[in-house]
Amino acid sequence: MYPRKKRNRSGSISVVIVSKSHGKTRYIHNMGTVETDAEADTLLLKAHDWIRKHGGQQELDFDDVCGKEQDETVRA
């Protein structure tokens, strides 16, 4: 899944989340329609957050891995 800016005939910009598989693009979620590029960038950030929350595990959590390993070795 990834966000996409799409220009409409009227000149407005739609921000949608799409998924591409087997050569076909499928619309997943419509984030909204705006008039300027600055507003579209704001919607793109919201779209990235939406993907993070609804797209399953997209990022691995490696926070403080070194500290946990050191605690494990001290106990042994």
N, C-alpha and C. Protein backbone atom coordinates (compact mmCIF):
# COMPACT_ATOMS: atom_id res chain seq x y z
N MET A 1 0.84 -1.18 0.00
CA MET A 1 0.00 0.00 0.00
C MET A 1 0.88 1.24 0.00
N TYR A 2 0.41 2.23 -0.69
CA TYR A 2 1.12 3.50 -0.70
C TYR A 2 0.14 4.62 -1.03
N PRO A 3 0.42 5.84 -0.55
CA PRO A 3 -0.45 6.98 -0.86
C PRO A 3 -0.13 7.53 -2.25
N ARG A 4 -1.15 8.11 -2.86
CA ARG A 4 -0.97 8.64 -4.21
C ARG A 4 -1.74 9.95 -4.34
N LYS A 5 -1.09 10.95 -4.95
CA LYS A 5 -1.76 12.22 -5.26
C LYS A 5 -2.30 12.10 -6.68
N LYS A 6 -3.56 12.41 -6.85
CA LYS A 6 -4.20 12.30 -8.15
C LYS A 6 -4.86 13.62 -8.51
N ARG A 7 -4.47 14.20 -9.62
CA ARG A 7 -5.07 15.46 -10.07
C ARG A 7 -6.39 15.16 -10.78
N ASN A 8 -7.41 15.94 -10.42
CA ASN A 8 -8.74 15.77 -11.01
C ASN A 8 -8.94 16.75 -12.15
N ARG A 9 -9.97 16.55 -12.93
CA ARG A 9 -10.28 17.46 -14.04
C ARG A 9 -10.55 18.87 -13.57
N SER A 10 -11.13 18.99 -12.39
CA SER A 10 -11.49 20.30 -11.88
C SER A 10 -10.28 21.09 -11.37
N GLY A 11 -9.11 20.42 -11.28
CA GLY A 11 -7.91 21.09 -10.80
C GLY A 11 -7.62 20.77 -9.34
N SER A 12 -8.55 20.13 -8.66
CA SER A 12 -8.31 19.75 -7.28
C SER A 12 -7.42 18.50 -7.23
N ILE A 13 -6.93 18.19 -6.05
CA ILE A 13 -6.02 17.06 -5.87
C ILE A 13 -6.66 16.08 -4.88
N SER A 14 -6.78 14.83 -5.29
CA SER A 14 -7.29 13.79 -4.41
C SER A 14 -6.11 13.00 -3.88
N VAL A 15 -6.14 12.68 -2.60
CA VAL A 15 -5.12 11.83 -2.00
C VAL A 15 -5.80 10.52 -1.64
N VAL A 16 -5.31 9.44 -2.25
CA VAL A 16 -5.90 8.13 -2.04
C VAL A 16 -4.81 7.14 -1.66
N ILE A 17 -5.21 6.08 -0.99
CA ILE A 17 -4.29 4.99 -0.67
C ILE A 17 -4.61 3.85 -1.61
N VAL A 18 -3.60 3.37 -2.31
CA VAL A 18 -3.80 2.32 -3.30
C VAL A 18 -2.90 1.12 -2.99
N SER A 19 -3.31 0.00 -3.53
CA SER A 19 -2.52 -1.22 -3.42
C SER A 19 -2.36 -1.77 -4.83
N LYS A 20 -1.17 -2.19 -5.16
CA LYS A 20 -0.94 -2.71 -6.50
C LYS A 20 -0.48 -4.15 -6.39
N SER A 21 -1.23 -5.04 -7.04
CA SER A 21 -0.83 -6.44 -7.08
C SER A 21 -1.29 -7.04 -8.40
N HIS A 22 -0.49 -7.91 -8.93
CA HIS A 22 -0.76 -8.57 -10.21
C HIS A 22 -0.99 -7.56 -11.34
N GLY A 23 -0.29 -6.42 -11.28
CA GLY A 23 -0.38 -5.43 -12.33
C GLY A 23 -1.62 -4.56 -12.29
N LYS A 24 -2.45 -4.71 -11.27
CA LYS A 24 -3.67 -3.91 -11.17
C LYS A 24 -3.60 -3.03 -9.94
N THR A 25 -4.09 -1.79 -10.07
CA THR A 25 -4.14 -0.85 -8.96
C THR A 25 -5.53 -0.89 -8.36
N ARG A 26 -5.59 -1.04 -7.03
CA ARG A 26 -6.86 -1.10 -6.33
C ARG A 26 -6.90 0.00 -5.29
N TYR A 27 -7.96 0.80 -5.30
CA TYR A 27 -8.12 1.88 -4.33
C TYR A 27 -8.57 1.29 -3.00
N ILE A 28 -7.83 1.62 -1.92
CA ILE A 28 -8.12 1.10 -0.60
C ILE A 28 -8.91 2.11 0.22
N HIS A 29 -8.45 3.37 0.24
CA HIS A 29 -9.07 4.39 1.09
C HIS A 29 -8.87 5.76 0.47
N ASN A 30 -9.91 6.59 0.51
CA ASN A 30 -9.82 7.97 0.03
C ASN A 30 -9.59 8.88 1.23
N MET A 31 -8.45 9.59 1.23
CA MET A 31 -8.13 10.48 2.36
C MET A 31 -8.82 11.83 2.23
N GLY A 32 -9.11 12.27 1.02
CA GLY A 32 -9.80 13.54 0.85
C GLY A 32 -9.37 14.27 -0.40
N THR A 33 -10.00 15.41 -0.64
CA THR A 33 -9.71 16.24 -1.80
C THR A 33 -9.36 17.63 -1.33
N VAL A 34 -8.29 18.20 -1.90
CA VAL A 34 -7.84 19.54 -1.52
C VAL A 34 -7.55 20.36 -2.77
N GLU A 35 -7.28 21.64 -2.56
CA GLU A 35 -7.05 22.55 -3.69
C GLU A 35 -5.57 22.85 -3.93
N THR A 36 -4.74 22.84 -2.88
CA THR A 36 -3.34 23.24 -3.05
C THR A 36 -2.39 22.07 -2.76
N ASP A 37 -1.14 22.22 -3.24
CA ASP A 37 -0.14 21.19 -3.00
C ASP A 37 0.25 21.10 -1.53
N ALA A 38 0.25 22.22 -0.82
CA ALA A 38 0.60 22.20 0.60
C ALA A 38 -0.43 21.39 1.40
N GLU A 39 -1.70 21.57 1.08
CA GLU A 39 -2.74 20.79 1.75
C GLU A 39 -2.62 19.31 1.38
N ALA A 40 -2.23 19.03 0.13
CA ALA A 40 -2.06 17.65 -0.31
C ALA A 40 -0.92 16.98 0.45
N ASP A 41 0.15 17.73 0.72
CA ASP A 41 1.27 17.17 1.48
C ASP A 41 0.84 16.82 2.90
N THR A 42 -0.02 17.64 3.49
CA THR A 42 -0.54 17.35 4.83
C THR A 42 -1.37 16.07 4.80
N LEU A 43 -2.19 15.91 3.77
CA LEU A 43 -2.98 14.69 3.65
C LEU A 43 -2.09 13.47 3.39
N LEU A 44 -0.98 13.66 2.70
CA LEU A 44 -0.05 12.55 2.47
C LEU A 44 0.53 12.06 3.79
N LEU A 45 0.85 12.98 4.69
CA LEU A 45 1.36 12.58 6.00
C LEU A 45 0.30 11.80 6.78
N LYS A 46 -0.95 12.25 6.69
CA LYS A 46 -2.03 11.52 7.35
C LYS A 46 -2.22 10.15 6.71
N ALA A 47 -2.02 10.06 5.39
CA ALA A 47 -2.15 8.78 4.70
C ALA A 47 -1.06 7.81 5.15
N HIS A 48 0.17 8.30 5.34
CA HIS A 48 1.24 7.44 5.83
C HIS A 48 0.90 6.91 7.23
N ASP A 49 0.34 7.76 8.08
CA ASP A 49 -0.08 7.32 9.41
C ASP A 49 -1.19 6.27 9.32
N TRP A 50 -2.15 6.48 8.41
CA TRP A 50 -3.24 5.53 8.24
C TRP A 50 -2.70 4.17 7.81
N ILE A 51 -1.74 4.18 6.90
CA ILE A 51 -1.15 2.92 6.43
C ILE A 51 -0.44 2.22 7.59
N ARG A 52 0.29 2.99 8.41
CA ARG A 52 0.98 2.40 9.55
C ARG A 52 0.01 1.71 10.50
N LYS A 53 -1.16 2.31 10.70
CA LYS A 53 -2.14 1.77 11.65
C LYS A 53 -2.96 0.62 11.07
N HIS A 54 -3.29 0.68 9.77
CA HIS A 54 -4.21 -0.29 9.19
C HIS A 54 -3.55 -1.29 8.24
N GLY A 55 -2.28 -1.15 7.99
CA GLY A 55 -1.65 -2.00 6.99
C GLY A 55 -0.97 -3.23 7.53
N GLY A 56 -1.20 -3.58 8.77
CA GLY A 56 -0.49 -4.71 9.33
C GLY A 56 0.90 -4.29 9.76
N GLN A 57 1.76 -5.24 10.01
CA GLN A 57 3.11 -4.91 10.47
C GLN A 57 3.96 -4.48 9.27
N GLN A 58 4.24 -3.21 9.18
CA GLN A 58 5.05 -2.66 8.11
C GLN A 58 6.45 -2.32 8.58
N GLU A 59 6.61 -2.09 9.88
CA GLU A 59 7.89 -1.70 10.43
C GLU A 59 8.27 -2.64 11.56
N LEU A 60 9.54 -2.96 11.65
CA LEU A 60 10.03 -3.79 12.73
C LEU A 60 10.47 -2.89 13.87
N ASP A 61 10.19 -3.30 15.08
CA ASP A 61 10.50 -2.51 16.26
C ASP A 61 11.83 -2.96 16.85
N PHE A 62 12.89 -2.21 16.60
CA PHE A 62 14.21 -2.54 17.10
C PHE A 62 14.66 -1.55 18.17
N ASP A 63 13.73 -0.92 18.87
CA ASP A 63 14.08 0.06 19.89
C ASP A 63 14.77 -0.62 21.07
N ASP A 64 15.92 -0.10 21.46
CA ASP A 64 16.65 -0.54 22.63
C ASP A 64 16.97 -2.05 22.62
N VAL A 65 17.27 -2.58 21.43
CA VAL A 65 17.62 -4.00 21.33
C VAL A 65 18.94 -4.26 22.04
N CYS A 66 19.89 -3.36 21.90
CA CYS A 66 21.20 -3.55 22.52
C CYS A 66 21.07 -3.60 24.04
N GLY A 67 20.26 -2.77 24.63
CA GLY A 67 20.06 -2.76 26.07
C GLY A 67 19.45 -4.07 26.56
N LYS A 68 18.51 -4.62 25.81
CA LYS A 68 17.89 -5.88 26.19
C LYS A 68 18.89 -7.02 26.13
N GLU A 69 19.75 -7.01 25.09
CA GLU A 69 20.76 -8.06 24.98
C GLU A 69 21.75 -7.99 26.14
N GLN A 70 22.11 -6.79 26.55
CA GLN A 70 23.04 -6.66 27.67
C GLN A 70 22.42 -7.17 28.97
N ASP A 71 21.12 -6.91 29.17
CA ASP A 71 20.44 -7.43 30.35
C ASP A 71 20.43 -8.96 30.34
N GLU A 72 20.22 -9.56 29.20
CA GLU A 72 20.19 -11.02 29.08
C GLU A 72 21.56 -11.61 29.43
N THR A 73 22.64 -10.98 28.97
CA THR A 73 23.97 -11.54 29.23
C THR A 73 24.39 -11.36 30.71
N VAL A 74 23.91 -10.30 31.34
CA VAL A 74 24.26 -10.06 32.75
C VAL A 74 23.60 -11.13 33.62
N ARG A 75 22.35 -11.52 33.28
CA ARG A 75 21.65 -12.52 34.07
C ARG A 75 22.31 -13.90 33.97
N ALA A 76 22.89 -14.21 32.84
CA ALA A 76 23.45 -15.57 32.62
C ALA A 76 24.75 -15.80 33.33
